[in-house]
Protein backbone atom coordinates (compact mmCIF):
# COMPACT_ATOMS: atom_id res chain seq x y z
CA MET A 1 0.54 21.46 -8.85
CA LEU A 2 1.02 19.82 -5.46
CA PRO A 3 -2.13 17.61 -5.55
CA ALA A 4 -0.69 15.71 -8.53
CA TYR A 5 1.95 14.32 -6.14
CA LEU A 6 -0.44 13.29 -3.35
CA ASP A 7 -2.76 10.37 -2.71
CA SER A 8 -6.21 10.92 -1.25
CA THR A 9 -6.97 8.10 1.18
CA ASN A 10 -9.86 6.57 3.06
CA LEU A 11 -9.04 3.25 4.71
CA GLN A 12 -11.53 3.47 7.55
CA ALA A 13 -13.44 0.28 8.36
CA ALA A 14 -16.77 2.14 8.19
CA CYS A 15 -16.03 3.78 4.83
CA SER A 16 -19.29 3.83 2.85
CA GLN A 17 -20.14 4.01 -0.85
CA LYS A 18 -20.95 7.68 -0.34
CA ASP A 19 -17.53 8.22 1.22
CA ILE A 20 -15.89 6.67 -1.84
CA GLU A 21 -17.97 8.84 -4.17
CA HIS A 22 -16.87 11.95 -2.26
CA LEU A 23 -13.22 10.85 -2.20
CA CYS A 24 -13.16 10.18 -5.94
CA GLU A 25 -14.94 13.42 -6.85
CA GLU A 26 -12.49 15.44 -4.76
CA ALA A 27 -9.53 13.57 -6.27
CA LYS A 28 -10.75 14.36 -9.78
CA LYS A 29 -11.53 17.98 -8.90
CA TYR A 30 -8.08 18.66 -7.46
CA GLY A 31 -6.10 16.40 -9.82
CA MET A 32 -4.76 14.06 -7.14
CA ALA A 33 -2.20 11.41 -8.10
CA ALA A 34 -4.29 8.52 -6.74
CA VAL A 35 -6.98 7.44 -4.34
CA CYS A 36 -6.04 4.75 -1.84
CA ILE A 37 -8.94 2.65 -0.61
CA ASN A 38 -9.75 -0.75 0.84
CA PRO A 39 -9.82 -3.58 -1.73
CA CYS A 40 -13.58 -4.15 -1.48
CA ARG A 41 -14.15 -0.61 -2.83
CA LEU A 42 -11.97 -0.97 -5.96
CA PRO A 43 -14.74 -1.76 -8.49
CA GLN A 44 -16.79 1.26 -7.40
CA ALA A 45 -13.81 3.63 -7.46
CA ARG A 46 -12.59 2.21 -10.78
CA ASP A 47 -15.90 3.18 -12.37
CA LEU A 48 -15.93 6.60 -10.71
CA LEU A 49 -12.37 7.40 -11.79
CA ALA A 50 -12.57 6.06 -15.36
CA ASN A 51 -10.67 8.33 -17.80
CA SER A 52 -9.86 10.84 -15.03
CA GLY A 53 -6.10 10.32 -14.83
CA VAL A 54 -6.39 9.61 -11.09
CA LYS A 55 -4.78 6.27 -10.27
CA LEU A 56 -6.36 3.57 -8.17
CA CYS A 57 -4.38 2.32 -5.14
CA THR A 58 -5.22 -0.27 -2.52
CA VAL A 59 -3.63 -1.90 0.48
CA ILE A 60 -2.40 -5.47 0.89
CA GLY A 61 -2.07 -7.04 4.34
CA PHE A 62 -3.49 -3.90 5.89
CA PRO A 63 -3.05 -2.75 8.62
CA LEU A 64 -1.07 -5.44 10.48
CA GLY A 65 0.95 -7.10 7.73
CA ALA A 66 0.40 -10.45 9.44
CA ASP A 67 -1.27 -12.31 6.57
CA ARG A 68 0.45 -15.29 4.97
CA THR A 69 2.43 -14.50 1.83
CA GLU A 70 0.07 -16.59 -0.30
CA THR A 71 -2.88 -14.61 1.03
CA LYS A 72 -1.16 -11.32 0.16
CA VAL A 73 -0.30 -12.54 -3.35
CA ASN A 74 -3.89 -13.65 -3.96
CA ALA A 75 -5.23 -10.35 -2.59
CA ALA A 76 -2.80 -8.44 -4.80
CA ARG A 77 -3.83 -10.41 -7.89
CA MET A 78 -7.52 -9.78 -7.18
CA ALA A 79 -6.84 -6.07 -6.61
CA LEU A 80 -4.95 -5.80 -9.89
CA GLU A 81 -7.77 -7.57 -11.71
CA ASP A 82 -10.18 -5.06 -10.14
CA GLY A 83 -8.16 -2.20 -11.63
CA ALA A 84 -5.61 -1.26 -8.95
CA GLN A 85 -2.55 0.45 -10.41
CA GLU A 86 -0.70 0.83 -7.13
CA LEU A 87 -0.37 -1.57 -4.19
CA ASP A 88 0.64 -0.58 -0.67
CA LEU A 89 1.99 -3.77 0.92
CA VAL A 90 2.29 -3.89 4.70
CA MET A 91 5.45 -5.83 5.49
CA ASN A 92 5.10 -8.75 7.91
CA ILE A 93 6.49 -6.81 10.85
CA GLY A 94 6.32 -9.71 13.32
CA ARG A 95 8.42 -11.97 11.13
CA PHE A 96 10.82 -9.12 10.42
CA LYS A 97 11.22 -8.49 14.17
CA ASP A 98 11.89 -12.23 14.58
CA ARG A 99 14.81 -11.63 12.19
CA GLU A 100 13.20 -13.71 9.48
CA TYR A 101 14.67 -11.30 6.93
CA ILE A 102 14.74 -13.82 4.11
CA ASN A 103 11.00 -14.46 4.59
CA ALA A 104 10.28 -10.72 4.57
CA ALA A 105 12.30 -10.23 1.40
CA GLN A 106 10.68 -13.25 -0.26
CA GLU A 107 7.24 -11.79 0.46
CA ILE A 108 8.13 -8.58 -1.37
CA ALA A 109 9.62 -10.63 -4.22
CA ALA A 110 6.42 -12.68 -4.49
CA LEU A 111 4.38 -9.53 -5.06
CA LEU A 112 6.96 -8.11 -7.44
CA HIS A 113 6.68 -11.34 -9.44
CA LEU A 114 3.14 -10.20 -10.36
CA LYS A 115 4.79 -7.50 -12.49
CA ASN A 116 5.32 -10.27 -15.06
CA GLU A 117 1.55 -10.19 -15.59
CA TYR A 118 0.43 -6.70 -14.54
CA ARG A 119 1.71 -3.13 -14.67
CA PHE A 120 1.62 -1.55 -11.20
CA ILE A 121 3.60 0.34 -8.60
CA LEU A 122 4.54 -1.51 -5.41
CA LYS A 123 5.02 0.46 -2.21
CA VAL A 124 6.15 -1.35 0.95
CA ILE A 125 4.98 -0.04 4.32
CA VAL A 126 7.51 -0.82 7.08
CA GLU A 127 5.55 0.61 10.06
CA SER A 128 8.47 2.62 11.43
CA ALA A 129 6.82 3.16 14.83
CA LEU A 130 7.31 -0.53 15.60
CA LEU A 131 10.95 -0.76 14.56
CA SER A 132 14.13 0.09 16.44
CA PRO A 133 16.61 2.39 14.68
CA GLN A 134 18.69 -0.65 13.68
CA GLU A 135 15.63 -2.49 12.37
CA LEU A 136 14.56 0.57 10.43
CA VAL A 137 17.95 0.71 8.71
CA ARG A 138 17.72 -3.01 7.90
CA ALA A 139 14.13 -2.67 6.59
CA THR A 140 15.08 0.31 4.45
CA GLN A 141 18.00 -1.59 2.95
CA MET A 142 15.83 -4.66 2.34
CA VAL A 143 13.09 -2.70 0.57
CA GLY A 144 15.65 -0.70 -1.39
CA ASP A 145 17.36 -3.88 -2.57
CA SER A 146 14.08 -5.64 -3.38
CA GLY A 147 13.14 -3.66 -6.47
CA ALA A 148 9.97 -2.26 -4.89
CA ASP A 149 9.09 1.17 -6.25
CA PHE A 150 8.72 3.00 -2.92
CA ILE A 151 9.07 2.57 0.82
CA LYS A 152 6.42 4.05 3.12
CA THR A 153 6.85 4.80 6.78
CA SER A 154 3.51 3.87 8.30
CA THR A 155 -0.07 2.77 7.89
CA GLY A 156 -1.36 5.52 10.15
CA PHE A 157 -3.03 2.81 12.23
CA SER A 158 -0.16 1.97 14.61
CA THR A 159 1.01 3.64 17.81
CA ARG A 160 2.05 6.72 15.86
CA GLY A 161 2.84 7.87 12.36
CA VAL A 162 6.22 8.97 11.15
CA SER A 163 8.39 10.83 13.64
CA TRP A 164 11.77 12.50 13.69
CA ARG A 165 12.40 10.71 16.96
CA ILE A 166 12.64 6.96 17.21
């Protein structure tokens, strides 16, 4: 079934408790892989999804990726303690564009280090709309080499989503 491979997401700033209830009920009804929500909604969704088989996902550094690494690590730890099973990390795009590749890779490594304490999936969002073709190749290589579980193309909050044209 296709829904078992898809996440159901609501990352809107005005997302209410009722919105989370609706999202979780739909995810359970259709057998979605996960719900992806803002970190402040994790405890509510954790309770709503208990024993459903639907995973709990949240975002780190969303939507700009411009938080300090320490802030992202602390946010990730709190999210994992609140029950998140998947983390969508927004790469620090500004630092990456400044060619601070080691810093960008170290940030991913810092979150991956949490796997010593928690079981979770780490997905890295590279925000492809903001990268040149050469930067996109470099970002893809970096994420692939990092040990992260997945690479994602966009937050959906930038100038555009994924595109066949760069």
